[in-house]
Amino acid sequence: MTIIRDVDQLKAYYGDVTEASTAKVTHSLTAPYRQMIEASPFVALATVGPEGLDCSPRGDAGSVVRIESDRELALPDWRGNNRIDSLINVVRDPRVALMFLIPGSASVMRVNGRAVVSVEPGLLASFVMDGRHPRSVILVSIDEVYFQCARAVMRAGLWNAEAHVAAASLPTPGEMLKAAKADFDQETYDREWPVRASKTMW
């Protein structure tokens, strides 16, 4: 097996970077970048801590983040499983990366920056949904923002309904839990989960 362990060797192997690949990087939101991010209901949030990396899916009705300024984004932390892996990482290491997906678009938006976790009452209240507010808000200061080449989404056929996998052909959440913990009550979990989720979305 041939392994590349040297950065110069790796760069030589891949060749020159195109102008578009570097020109697209900005340090604040341009008007088109703002429009793209506002259209995204889903983002993957990557964080880093002493134990390693974490990547967490975040979704919302409408825009998944609120744009506070050309250099700051606000990401509400809605109800979840209380593992708070991402938040634990952020309070110890502010570096974050975000990848926004926009249903129907092959372009992906990426943001690298630094974050803090805010529990300011006024900020939380500004995100009220169905009478509830998030437990906290992640405020992201943008270091760089750019769009990702569309090839990955195109290759995956991500928005092609004909390529979608039938949910019934996949393991249920209860099945996956039981595979990890043999005495887990799969049947009860799968039976109760849809109702519980609908009542605890926010």
N, C-alpha and C. Protein backbone atom coordinates (compact mmCIF):
# COMPACT_ATOMS: atom_id res chain seq x y z
N MET A 1 0.84 -1.19 0.00
CA MET A 1 0.00 0.00 0.00
C MET A 1 0.88 1.25 0.00
N THR A 2 0.57 2.18 -0.88
CA THR A 2 1.33 3.42 -0.97
C THR A 2 0.64 4.51 -0.16
N ILE A 3 1.32 5.01 0.85
CA ILE A 3 0.75 6.02 1.74
C ILE A 3 1.52 7.33 1.58
N ILE A 4 0.79 8.43 1.43
CA ILE A 4 1.42 9.75 1.37
C ILE A 4 1.41 10.35 2.77
N ARG A 5 2.57 10.73 3.28
CA ARG A 5 2.67 11.29 4.62
C ARG A 5 3.30 12.68 4.64
N ASP A 6 3.59 13.22 3.47
CA ASP A 6 4.24 14.52 3.37
C ASP A 6 3.34 15.49 2.62
N VAL A 7 3.15 16.69 3.16
CA VAL A 7 2.23 17.66 2.56
C VAL A 7 2.69 18.07 1.16
N ASP A 8 3.98 18.32 0.99
CA ASP A 8 4.48 18.72 -0.33
C ASP A 8 4.25 17.62 -1.35
N GLN A 9 4.46 16.39 -0.94
CA GLN A 9 4.22 15.25 -1.83
C GLN A 9 2.74 15.17 -2.21
N LEU A 10 1.88 15.42 -1.24
CA LEU A 10 0.45 15.36 -1.50
C LEU A 10 0.02 16.45 -2.48
N LYS A 11 0.53 17.66 -2.27
CA LYS A 11 0.19 18.76 -3.18
C LYS A 11 0.71 18.50 -4.59
N ALA A 12 1.89 17.93 -4.69
CA ALA A 12 2.45 17.62 -6.00
C ALA A 12 1.62 16.55 -6.70
N TYR A 13 1.12 15.61 -5.93
CA TYR A 13 0.32 14.52 -6.49
C TYR A 13 -0.99 15.03 -7.08
N TYR A 14 -1.63 16.00 -6.37
CA TYR A 14 -2.92 16.52 -6.84
C TYR A 14 -2.80 17.65 -7.86
N GLY A 15 -1.70 18.37 -7.86
CA GLY A 15 -1.51 19.42 -8.85
C GLY A 15 -2.01 20.77 -8.39
N ASP A 16 -2.03 21.71 -9.33
CA ASP A 16 -2.36 23.10 -9.03
C ASP A 16 -3.82 23.28 -8.61
N VAL A 17 -4.03 24.28 -7.76
CA VAL A 17 -5.37 24.68 -7.35
C VAL A 17 -5.90 25.69 -8.36
N THR A 18 -7.16 25.55 -8.77
CA THR A 18 -7.73 26.47 -9.74
C THR A 18 -8.00 27.84 -9.12
N GLU A 19 -8.09 28.84 -9.94
CA GLU A 19 -8.36 30.19 -9.45
C GLU A 19 -9.68 30.25 -8.70
N ALA A 20 -10.71 29.59 -9.23
CA ALA A 20 -12.03 29.64 -8.60
C ALA A 20 -12.01 29.03 -7.20
N SER A 21 -11.14 28.06 -6.99
CA SER A 21 -11.08 27.39 -5.69
C SER A 21 -10.57 28.29 -4.58
N THR A 22 -9.78 29.29 -4.93
CA THR A 22 -9.26 30.22 -3.93
C THR A 22 -10.01 31.55 -3.94
N ALA A 23 -10.47 31.98 -5.10
CA ALA A 23 -11.16 33.27 -5.21
C ALA A 23 -12.49 33.28 -4.47
N LYS A 24 -13.07 32.09 -4.29
CA LYS A 24 -14.40 32.01 -3.66
C LYS A 24 -14.38 32.25 -2.16
N VAL A 25 -13.21 32.19 -1.54
CA VAL A 25 -13.10 32.33 -0.08
C VAL A 25 -13.17 33.80 0.32
N THR A 26 -14.14 34.13 1.21
CA THR A 26 -14.24 35.49 1.75
C THR A 26 -14.23 35.40 3.28
N HIS A 27 -14.03 36.54 3.91
CA HIS A 27 -13.95 36.56 5.38
C HIS A 27 -15.21 37.15 6.01
N SER A 28 -16.19 37.43 5.18
CA SER A 28 -17.51 37.87 5.65
C SER A 28 -18.51 37.49 4.57
N LEU A 29 -19.77 37.59 4.88
CA LEU A 29 -20.80 37.18 3.94
C LEU A 29 -20.96 38.18 2.80
N THR A 30 -20.87 37.69 1.58
CA THR A 30 -21.25 38.48 0.42
C THR A 30 -22.77 38.37 0.28
N ALA A 31 -23.37 39.18 -0.57
CA ALA A 31 -24.82 39.11 -0.77
C ALA A 31 -25.26 37.72 -1.25
N PRO A 32 -24.56 37.11 -2.24
CA PRO A 32 -24.97 35.76 -2.66
C PRO A 32 -24.77 34.72 -1.56
N TYR A 33 -23.69 34.82 -0.79
CA TYR A 33 -23.47 33.86 0.30
C TYR A 33 -24.55 33.99 1.36
N ARG A 34 -24.95 35.21 1.66
CA ARG A 34 -26.04 35.44 2.61
C ARG A 34 -27.32 34.78 2.12
N GLN A 35 -27.63 34.94 0.84
CA GLN A 35 -28.84 34.36 0.27
C GLN A 35 -28.82 32.83 0.35
N MET A 36 -27.67 32.24 0.09
CA MET A 36 -27.55 30.78 0.14
C MET A 36 -27.74 30.27 1.57
N ILE A 37 -27.09 30.90 2.54
CA ILE A 37 -27.18 30.43 3.92
C ILE A 37 -28.59 30.63 4.47
N GLU A 38 -29.23 31.72 4.11
CA GLU A 38 -30.60 31.96 4.56
C GLU A 38 -31.57 30.92 4.01
N ALA A 39 -31.22 30.31 2.88
CA ALA A 39 -32.10 29.31 2.25
C ALA A 39 -31.89 27.91 2.83
N SER A 40 -30.92 27.74 3.70
CA SER A 40 -30.58 26.41 4.20
C SER A 40 -31.31 26.07 5.49
N PRO A 41 -32.06 24.94 5.51
CA PRO A 41 -32.71 24.49 6.73
C PRO A 41 -31.89 23.46 7.51
N PHE A 42 -30.69 23.12 6.98
CA PHE A 42 -29.89 22.05 7.59
C PHE A 42 -28.42 22.40 7.55
N VAL A 43 -27.74 22.14 8.69
CA VAL A 43 -26.29 22.34 8.74
C VAL A 43 -25.65 21.23 9.56
N ALA A 44 -24.48 20.80 9.15
CA ALA A 44 -23.66 19.89 9.95
C ALA A 44 -22.64 20.74 10.69
N LEU A 45 -22.62 20.61 12.02
CA LEU A 45 -21.73 21.41 12.87
C LEU A 45 -20.58 20.53 13.35
N ALA A 46 -19.36 20.87 12.96
CA ALA A 46 -18.17 20.13 13.38
C ALA A 46 -17.45 20.91 14.47
N THR A 47 -17.10 20.21 15.55
CA THR A 47 -16.37 20.82 16.66
C THR A 47 -15.21 19.92 17.05
N VAL A 48 -14.32 20.45 17.89
CA VAL A 48 -13.16 19.68 18.31
C VAL A 48 -12.93 19.89 19.80
N GLY A 49 -12.53 18.80 20.48
CA GLY A 49 -12.23 18.87 21.90
C GLY A 49 -11.11 17.93 22.25
N PRO A 50 -10.71 17.88 23.51
CA PRO A 50 -9.60 17.01 23.92
C PRO A 50 -9.82 15.53 23.59
N GLU A 51 -11.09 15.11 23.57
CA GLU A 51 -11.37 13.70 23.28
C GLU A 51 -11.39 13.40 21.79
N GLY A 52 -11.42 14.46 20.95
CA GLY A 52 -11.47 14.25 19.51
C GLY A 52 -12.50 15.15 18.85
N LEU A 53 -13.02 14.68 17.71
CA LEU A 53 -13.93 15.48 16.90
C LEU A 53 -15.37 15.08 17.11
N ASP A 54 -16.29 15.99 16.77
CA ASP A 54 -17.71 15.70 16.80
C ASP A 54 -18.34 16.41 15.62
N CYS A 55 -19.34 15.76 14.99
CA CYS A 55 -20.08 16.40 13.91
C CYS A 55 -21.55 16.14 14.16
N SER A 56 -22.31 17.22 14.31
CA SER A 56 -23.71 17.11 14.74
C SER A 56 -24.64 17.71 13.70
N PRO A 57 -25.73 17.00 13.35
CA PRO A 57 -26.71 17.56 12.41
C PRO A 57 -27.63 18.55 13.12
N ARG A 58 -27.92 19.65 12.47
CA ARG A 58 -28.83 20.66 13.02
C ARG A 58 -29.83 21.04 11.93
N GLY A 59 -31.10 21.06 12.29
CA GLY A 59 -32.12 21.41 11.32
C GLY A 59 -33.17 22.30 11.94
N ASP A 60 -33.87 23.07 11.11
CA ASP A 60 -34.88 23.98 11.62
C ASP A 60 -35.94 24.19 10.55
N ALA A 61 -37.06 24.76 10.96
CA ALA A 61 -38.10 25.15 10.01
C ALA A 61 -37.68 26.49 9.41
N GLY A 62 -37.41 26.52 8.13
CA GLY A 62 -36.87 27.73 7.52
C GLY A 62 -35.36 27.73 7.67
N SER A 63 -34.77 28.90 7.87
CA SER A 63 -33.31 29.02 7.99
C SER A 63 -32.82 28.35 9.27
N VAL A 64 -31.78 27.53 9.14
CA VAL A 64 -31.24 26.83 10.31
C VAL A 64 -30.42 27.77 11.19
N VAL A 65 -29.90 28.85 10.62
CA VAL A 65 -29.20 29.87 11.40
C VAL A 65 -29.84 31.22 11.13
N ARG A 66 -29.61 32.13 12.05
CA ARG A 66 -30.01 33.52 11.82
C ARG A 66 -28.74 34.33 11.60
N ILE A 67 -28.74 35.12 10.57
CA ILE A 67 -27.57 35.95 10.28
C ILE A 67 -27.67 37.22 11.12
N GLU A 68 -26.74 37.36 12.06
CA GLU A 68 -26.71 38.52 12.94
C GLU A 68 -25.98 39.70 12.28
N SER A 69 -24.97 39.38 11.50
CA SER A 69 -24.22 40.39 10.76
C SER A 69 -23.44 39.66 9.68
N ASP A 70 -22.69 40.40 8.89
CA ASP A 70 -21.89 39.77 7.83
C ASP A 70 -20.76 38.91 8.39
N ARG A 71 -20.51 39.02 9.72
CA ARG A 71 -19.44 38.25 10.34
C ARG A 71 -19.93 37.33 11.45
N GLU A 72 -21.26 37.25 11.69
CA GLU A 72 -21.74 36.44 12.81
C GLU A 72 -23.04 35.72 12.47
N LEU A 73 -23.10 34.44 12.87
CA LEU A 73 -24.29 33.62 12.70
C LEU A 73 -24.76 33.15 14.07
N ALA A 74 -26.08 32.98 14.22
CA ALA A 74 -26.66 32.47 15.46
C ALA A 74 -27.37 31.16 15.18
N LEU A 75 -26.95 30.09 15.87
CA LEU A 75 -27.50 28.75 15.68
C LEU A 75 -28.19 28.30 16.96
N PRO A 76 -29.54 28.27 16.99
CA PRO A 76 -30.23 27.85 18.21
C PRO A 76 -30.04 26.36 18.48
N ASP A 77 -29.91 26.01 19.75
CA ASP A 77 -29.79 24.60 20.13
C ASP A 77 -31.14 24.12 20.67
N TRP A 78 -31.90 23.48 19.80
CA TRP A 78 -33.23 23.00 20.17
C TRP A 78 -33.13 21.68 20.92
N ARG A 79 -34.27 21.16 21.34
CA ARG A 79 -34.30 19.96 22.16
C ARG A 79 -33.63 18.79 21.46
N GLY A 80 -32.92 17.99 22.24
CA GLY A 80 -32.24 16.82 21.71
C GLY A 80 -32.09 15.78 22.79
N ASN A 81 -30.96 15.09 22.74
CA ASN A 81 -30.77 13.99 23.70
C ASN A 81 -29.95 14.38 24.93
N ASN A 82 -29.59 15.66 25.02
CA ASN A 82 -28.83 16.19 26.17
C ASN A 82 -27.40 15.65 26.28
N ARG A 83 -26.88 15.04 25.20
CA ARG A 83 -25.46 14.65 25.24
C ARG A 83 -24.57 15.89 25.20
N ILE A 84 -25.03 16.93 24.52
CA ILE A 84 -24.35 18.23 24.36
C ILE A 84 -22.87 18.10 24.00
N ASP A 85 -22.54 17.09 23.20
CA ASP A 85 -21.14 16.90 22.79
C ASP A 85 -20.57 18.15 22.11
N SER A 86 -21.34 18.74 21.19
CA SER A 86 -20.85 19.92 20.47
C SER A 86 -20.64 21.09 21.41
N LEU A 87 -21.58 21.30 22.32
CA LEU A 87 -21.48 22.43 23.24
C LEU A 87 -20.30 22.28 24.19
N ILE A 88 -20.10 21.06 24.66
CA ILE A 88 -18.95 20.79 25.54
C ILE A 88 -17.65 21.12 24.81
N ASN A 89 -17.57 20.74 23.54
CA ASN A 89 -16.37 21.06 22.76
C ASN A 89 -16.20 22.56 22.61
N VAL A 90 -17.27 23.26 22.26
CA VAL A 90 -17.17 24.70 21.99
C VAL A 90 -16.69 25.48 23.20
N VAL A 91 -17.16 25.13 24.41
CA VAL A 91 -16.74 25.90 25.58
C VAL A 91 -15.27 25.65 25.91
N ARG A 92 -14.68 24.59 25.37
CA ARG A 92 -13.27 24.32 25.62
C ARG A 92 -12.37 24.68 24.45
N ASP A 93 -12.93 24.65 23.23
CA ASP A 93 -12.17 24.98 22.02
C ASP A 93 -13.15 25.64 21.05
N PRO A 94 -12.99 26.93 20.77
CA PRO A 94 -14.00 27.65 19.99
C PRO A 94 -14.03 27.33 18.50
N ARG A 95 -13.08 26.57 18.00
CA ARG A 95 -13.04 26.32 16.55
C ARG A 95 -14.21 25.47 16.09
N VAL A 96 -14.90 25.95 15.05
CA VAL A 96 -16.03 25.21 14.49
C VAL A 96 -15.98 25.26 12.97
N ALA A 97 -16.65 24.29 12.36
CA ALA A 97 -16.86 24.28 10.91
C ALA A 97 -18.31 23.92 10.66
N LEU A 98 -18.93 24.61 9.71
CA LEU A 98 -20.33 24.36 9.39
C LEU A 98 -20.47 24.05 7.91
N MET A 99 -21.31 23.08 7.58
CA MET A 99 -21.60 22.75 6.19
C MET A 99 -23.11 22.79 5.98
N PHE A 100 -23.55 23.74 5.18
CA PHE A 100 -24.97 23.97 4.94
C PHE A 100 -25.42 23.25 3.67
N LEU A 101 -26.55 22.54 3.77
CA LEU A 101 -27.18 21.93 2.61
C LEU A 101 -28.48 22.65 2.31
N ILE A 102 -28.78 22.82 1.03
CA ILE A 102 -29.99 23.50 0.59
C ILE A 102 -30.76 22.55 -0.30
N PRO A 103 -31.91 22.03 0.14
CA PRO A 103 -32.67 21.09 -0.68
C PRO A 103 -32.92 21.63 -2.09
N GLY A 104 -32.57 20.82 -3.08
CA GLY A 104 -32.75 21.23 -4.47
C GLY A 104 -31.53 21.86 -5.10
N SER A 105 -30.56 22.30 -4.29
CA SER A 105 -29.35 22.92 -4.82
C SER A 105 -28.17 21.97 -4.69
N ALA A 106 -27.34 21.91 -5.71
CA ALA A 106 -26.15 21.07 -5.66
C ALA A 106 -24.99 21.79 -4.98
N SER A 107 -25.11 23.09 -4.78
CA SER A 107 -24.04 23.84 -4.13
C SER A 107 -24.16 23.71 -2.61
N VAL A 108 -23.02 23.60 -1.95
CA VAL A 108 -22.95 23.48 -0.50
C VAL A 108 -22.19 24.69 0.05
N MET A 109 -22.68 25.26 1.14
CA MET A 109 -21.99 26.40 1.75
C MET A 109 -21.18 25.93 2.95
N ARG A 110 -19.99 26.49 3.11
CA ARG A 110 -19.13 26.12 4.23
C ARG A 110 -18.66 27.37 4.97
N VAL A 111 -18.64 27.26 6.29
CA VAL A 111 -18.15 28.34 7.15
C VAL A 111 -17.16 27.76 8.15
N ASN A 112 -16.03 28.40 8.29
CA ASN A 112 -15.07 28.08 9.34
C ASN A 112 -14.98 29.29 10.25
N GLY A 113 -14.97 29.04 11.56
CA GLY A 113 -14.91 30.18 12.46
C GLY A 113 -14.71 29.77 13.90
N ARG A 114 -15.12 30.66 14.80
CA ARG A 114 -15.00 30.44 16.23
C ARG A 114 -16.36 30.69 16.87
N ALA A 115 -16.67 29.94 17.92
CA ALA A 115 -18.01 30.02 18.48
C ALA A 115 -17.99 30.16 20.00
N VAL A 116 -19.09 30.67 20.52
CA VAL A 116 -19.35 30.70 21.96
C VAL A 116 -20.78 30.20 22.17
N VAL A 117 -21.07 29.74 23.39
CA VAL A 117 -22.41 29.27 23.74
C VAL A 117 -23.06 30.33 24.62
N SER A 118 -24.18 30.91 24.16
CA SER A 118 -24.86 31.96 24.90
C SER A 118 -26.18 31.45 25.48
N VAL A 119 -26.46 31.84 26.72
CA VAL A 119 -27.76 31.56 27.35
C VAL A 119 -28.40 32.89 27.76
N GLU A 120 -28.06 33.96 27.06
CA GLU A 120 -28.63 35.27 27.31
C GLU A 120 -30.16 35.19 27.13
N PRO A 121 -30.95 35.50 28.17
CA PRO A 121 -32.41 35.34 28.09
C PRO A 121 -33.05 36.04 26.89
N GLY A 122 -32.62 37.26 26.60
CA GLY A 122 -33.20 37.98 25.47
C GLY A 122 -32.92 37.31 24.15
N LEU A 123 -31.71 36.76 24.00
CA LEU A 123 -31.36 36.06 22.77
C LEU A 123 -32.17 34.79 22.63
N LEU A 124 -32.30 34.03 23.71
CA LEU A 124 -33.10 32.80 23.67
C LEU A 124 -34.54 33.11 23.30
N ALA A 125 -35.10 34.15 23.91
CA ALA A 125 -36.49 34.51 23.67
C ALA A 125 -36.74 34.92 22.22
N SER A 126 -35.71 35.42 21.55
CA SER A 126 -35.88 35.87 20.17
C SER A 126 -36.05 34.72 19.20
N PHE A 127 -35.82 33.49 19.67
CA PHE A 127 -35.96 32.32 18.82
C PHE A 127 -37.19 31.47 19.16
N VAL A 128 -38.16 32.04 19.84
CA VAL A 128 -39.33 31.27 20.28
C VAL A 128 -40.01 30.56 19.10
N MET A 129 -40.34 29.28 19.32
CA MET A 129 -41.05 28.47 18.33
C MET A 129 -42.09 27.64 19.08
N ASP A 130 -43.34 27.77 18.69
CA ASP A 130 -44.44 27.04 19.35
C ASP A 130 -44.42 27.25 20.86
N GLY A 131 -44.11 28.47 21.28
CA GLY A 131 -44.12 28.78 22.70
C GLY A 131 -42.89 28.34 23.45
N ARG A 132 -41.92 27.76 22.77
CA ARG A 132 -40.69 27.30 23.43
C ARG A 132 -39.49 28.03 22.85
N HIS A 133 -38.43 28.09 23.62
CA HIS A 133 -37.20 28.69 23.12
C HIS A 133 -36.06 27.69 23.27
N PRO A 134 -34.97 27.88 22.51
CA PRO A 134 -33.85 26.94 22.61
C PRO A 134 -33.19 27.01 23.98
N ARG A 135 -32.47 25.94 24.34
CA ARG A 135 -31.76 25.91 25.62
C ARG A 135 -30.57 26.85 25.59
N SER A 136 -29.95 27.00 24.42
CA SER A 136 -28.82 27.91 24.25
C SER A 136 -28.73 28.30 22.79
N VAL A 137 -27.85 29.23 22.50
CA VAL A 137 -27.61 29.66 21.12
C VAL A 137 -26.10 29.67 20.89
N ILE A 138 -25.67 29.03 19.82
CA ILE A 138 -24.26 29.03 19.44
C ILE A 138 -24.03 30.24 18.53
N LEU A 139 -23.18 31.16 18.95
CA LEU A 139 -22.85 32.33 18.15
C LEU A 139 -21.52 32.07 17.45
N VAL A 140 -21.56 32.10 16.12
CA VAL A 140 -20.39 31.77 15.31
C VAL A 140 -19.82 33.02 14.67
N SER A 141 -18.56 33.34 14.99
CA SER A 141 -17.84 34.42 14.32
C SER A 141 -17.16 33.83 13.09
N ILE A 142 -17.45 34.39 11.94
CA ILE A 142 -16.95 33.86 10.67
C ILE A 142 -15.49 34.24 10.45
N ASP A 143 -14.66 33.23 10.20
CA ASP A 143 -13.28 33.47 9.76
C ASP A 143 -13.20 33.39 8.24
N GLU A 144 -13.88 32.39 7.67
CA GLU A 144 -13.94 32.28 6.22
C GLU A 144 -15.22 31.58 5.81
N VAL A 145 -15.72 31.95 4.64
CA VAL A 145 -16.95 31.37 4.11
C VAL A 145 -16.77 31.17 2.61
N TYR A 146 -17.28 30.06 2.11
CA TYR A 146 -17.18 29.79 0.68
C TYR A 146 -18.16 28.69 0.29
N PHE A 147 -18.40 28.57 -1.03
CA PHE A 147 -19.26 27.50 -1.49
C PHE A 147 -18.42 26.33 -1.95
N GLN A 148 -18.99 25.14 -1.84
CA GLN A 148 -18.29 23.91 -2.21
C GLN A 148 -18.71 23.49 -3.61
N CYS A 149 -17.79 22.95 -4.36
CA CYS A 149 -18.07 22.41 -5.68
C CYS A 149 -19.26 21.45 -5.61
N ALA A 150 -20.13 21.49 -6.61
CA ALA A 150 -21.38 20.73 -6.59
C ALA A 150 -21.22 19.25 -6.92
N ARG A 151 -20.02 18.82 -7.27
CA ARG A 151 -19.87 17.44 -7.75
C ARG A 151 -20.31 16.39 -6.73
N ALA A 152 -20.03 16.61 -5.44
CA ALA A 152 -20.36 15.60 -4.43
C ALA A 152 -21.87 15.37 -4.37
N VAL A 153 -22.64 16.46 -4.34
CA VAL A 153 -24.10 16.34 -4.28
C VAL A 153 -24.63 15.74 -5.58
N MET A 154 -24.02 16.13 -6.69
CA MET A 154 -24.45 15.59 -7.99
C MET A 154 -24.17 14.09 -8.07
N ARG A 155 -22.96 13.68 -7.64
CA ARG A 155 -22.63 12.26 -7.68
C ARG A 155 -23.57 11.46 -6.78
N ALA A 156 -23.91 12.01 -5.63
CA ALA A 156 -24.76 11.30 -4.67
C ALA A 156 -26.22 11.27 -5.10
N GLY A 157 -26.62 12.14 -6.02
CA GLY A 157 -28.02 12.23 -6.40
C GLY A 157 -28.88 12.56 -5.20
N LEU A 158 -28.38 13.44 -4.35
CA LEU A 158 -28.97 13.67 -3.05
C LEU A 158 -30.44 14.10 -3.11
N TRP A 159 -30.78 14.93 -4.09
CA TRP A 159 -32.15 15.43 -4.18
C TRP A 159 -32.97 14.69 -5.23
N ASN A 160 -32.44 13.62 -5.78
CA ASN A 160 -33.15 12.82 -6.77
C ASN A 160 -34.05 11.81 -6.07
N ALA A 161 -35.35 12.04 -6.11
CA ALA A 161 -36.30 11.17 -5.40
C ALA A 161 -36.19 9.72 -5.85
N GLU A 162 -35.84 9.49 -7.11
CA GLU A 162 -35.74 8.12 -7.61
C GLU A 162 -34.57 7.37 -6.97
N ALA A 163 -33.61 8.12 -6.43
CA ALA A 163 -32.45 7.49 -5.80
C ALA A 163 -32.61 7.34 -4.29
N HIS A 164 -33.70 7.84 -3.75
CA HIS A 164 -33.90 7.78 -2.31
C HIS A 164 -34.11 6.34 -1.85
N VAL A 165 -33.55 6.02 -0.70
CA VAL A 165 -33.68 4.69 -0.11
C VAL A 165 -35.01 4.61 0.63
N ALA A 166 -35.73 3.52 0.46
CA ALA A 166 -36.99 3.33 1.18
C ALA A 166 -36.71 3.19 2.67
N ALA A 167 -37.35 4.03 3.48
CA ALA A 167 -37.09 4.01 4.92
C ALA A 167 -37.37 2.63 5.51
N ALA A 168 -38.37 1.93 4.97
CA ALA A 168 -38.74 0.62 5.50
C ALA A 168 -37.65 -0.43 5.30
N SER A 169 -36.72 -0.16 4.40
CA SER A 169 -35.65 -1.13 4.13
C SER A 169 -34.47 -0.95 5.09
N LEU A 170 -34.50 0.09 5.92
CA LEU A 170 -33.40 0.40 6.83
C LEU A 170 -33.75 0.01 8.26
N PRO A 171 -32.74 -0.21 9.10
CA PRO A 171 -33.01 -0.52 10.51
C PRO A 171 -33.74 0.63 11.19
N THR A 172 -34.62 0.32 12.10
CA THR A 172 -35.31 1.35 12.88
C THR A 172 -34.36 1.84 13.98
N PRO A 173 -34.65 3.01 14.58
CA PRO A 173 -33.83 3.46 15.71
C PRO A 173 -33.77 2.41 16.82
N GLY A 174 -34.91 1.75 17.09
CA GLY A 174 -34.93 0.72 18.12
C GLY A 174 -34.01 -0.45 17.80
N GLU A 175 -33.99 -0.84 16.53
CA GLU A 175 -33.11 -1.94 16.11
C GLU A 175 -31.64 -1.56 16.32
N MET A 176 -31.29 -0.33 15.97
CA MET A 176 -29.91 0.10 16.13
C MET A 176 -29.52 0.16 17.60
N LEU A 177 -30.44 0.61 18.44
CA LEU A 177 -30.17 0.65 19.87
C LEU A 177 -30.01 -0.76 20.45
N LYS A 178 -30.86 -1.66 20.01
CA LYS A 178 -30.79 -3.04 20.52
C LYS A 178 -29.49 -3.72 20.08
N ALA A 179 -29.02 -3.39 18.89
CA ALA A 179 -27.76 -3.97 18.42
C ALA A 179 -26.58 -3.49 19.26
N ALA A 180 -26.71 -2.27 19.83
CA ALA A 180 -25.65 -1.72 20.67
C ALA A 180 -25.79 -2.17 22.13
N LYS A 181 -27.03 -2.45 22.54
CA LYS A 181 -27.31 -2.85 23.93
C LYS A 181 -28.36 -3.96 23.88
N ALA A 182 -27.92 -5.19 24.07
CA ALA A 182 -28.75 -6.37 23.80
C ALA A 182 -30.08 -6.39 24.53
N ASP A 183 -30.15 -5.83 25.74
CA ASP A 183 -31.40 -5.90 26.51
C ASP A 183 -32.27 -4.67 26.33
N PHE A 184 -31.96 -3.84 25.31
CA PHE A 184 -32.76 -2.64 25.08
C PHE A 184 -34.14 -3.02 24.55
N ASP A 185 -35.19 -2.31 25.01
CA ASP A 185 -36.57 -2.59 24.61
C ASP A 185 -36.87 -1.92 23.27
N GLN A 186 -36.52 -2.61 22.21
CA GLN A 186 -36.67 -2.09 20.85
C GLN A 186 -38.12 -1.77 20.50
N GLU A 187 -39.00 -2.70 20.79
CA GLU A 187 -40.40 -2.56 20.38
C GLU A 187 -41.05 -1.33 21.00
N THR A 188 -40.85 -1.15 22.30
CA THR A 188 -41.45 0.00 22.98
C THR A 188 -40.89 1.31 22.44
N TYR A 189 -39.59 1.36 22.24
CA TYR A 189 -38.95 2.57 21.75
C TYR A 189 -39.50 2.95 20.38
N ASP A 190 -39.53 1.99 19.46
CA ASP A 190 -40.01 2.29 18.11
C ASP A 190 -41.49 2.66 18.10
N ARG A 191 -42.27 2.08 18.99
CA ARG A 191 -43.69 2.38 19.04
C ARG A 191 -43.94 3.78 19.58
N GLU A 192 -43.17 4.19 20.57
CA GLU A 192 -43.41 5.47 21.23
C GLU A 192 -42.68 6.65 20.59
N TRP A 193 -41.62 6.35 19.84
CA TRP A 193 -40.77 7.42 19.32
C TRP A 193 -41.50 8.43 18.43
N PRO A 194 -42.33 8.05 17.45
CA PRO A 194 -42.96 9.05 16.59
C PRO A 194 -43.80 10.07 17.35
N VAL A 195 -44.58 9.62 18.33
CA VAL A 195 -45.41 10.53 19.11
C VAL A 195 -44.53 11.43 19.99
N ARG A 196 -43.51 10.82 20.62
CA ARG A 196 -42.62 11.60 21.48
C ARG A 196 -41.90 12.68 20.69
N ALA A 197 -41.44 12.33 19.50
CA ALA A 197 -40.72 13.29 18.67
C ALA A 197 -41.63 14.45 18.26
N SER A 198 -42.87 14.13 17.88
CA SER A 198 -43.79 15.18 17.43
C SER A 198 -44.12 16.15 18.55
N LYS A 199 -44.08 15.69 19.80
CA LYS A 199 -44.40 16.56 20.92
C LYS A 199 -43.20 17.30 21.49
N THR A 200 -42.01 16.93 21.05
CA THR A 200 -40.79 17.53 21.61
C THR A 200 -39.89 18.08 20.51
N MET A 201 -40.48 18.51 19.39
CA MET A 201 -39.69 19.03 18.28
C MET A 201 -38.94 20.30 18.66
N TRP A 202 -39.58 21.13 19.46
CA TRP A 202 -38.96 22.38 19.90
C TRP A 202 -38.79 22.30 21.37
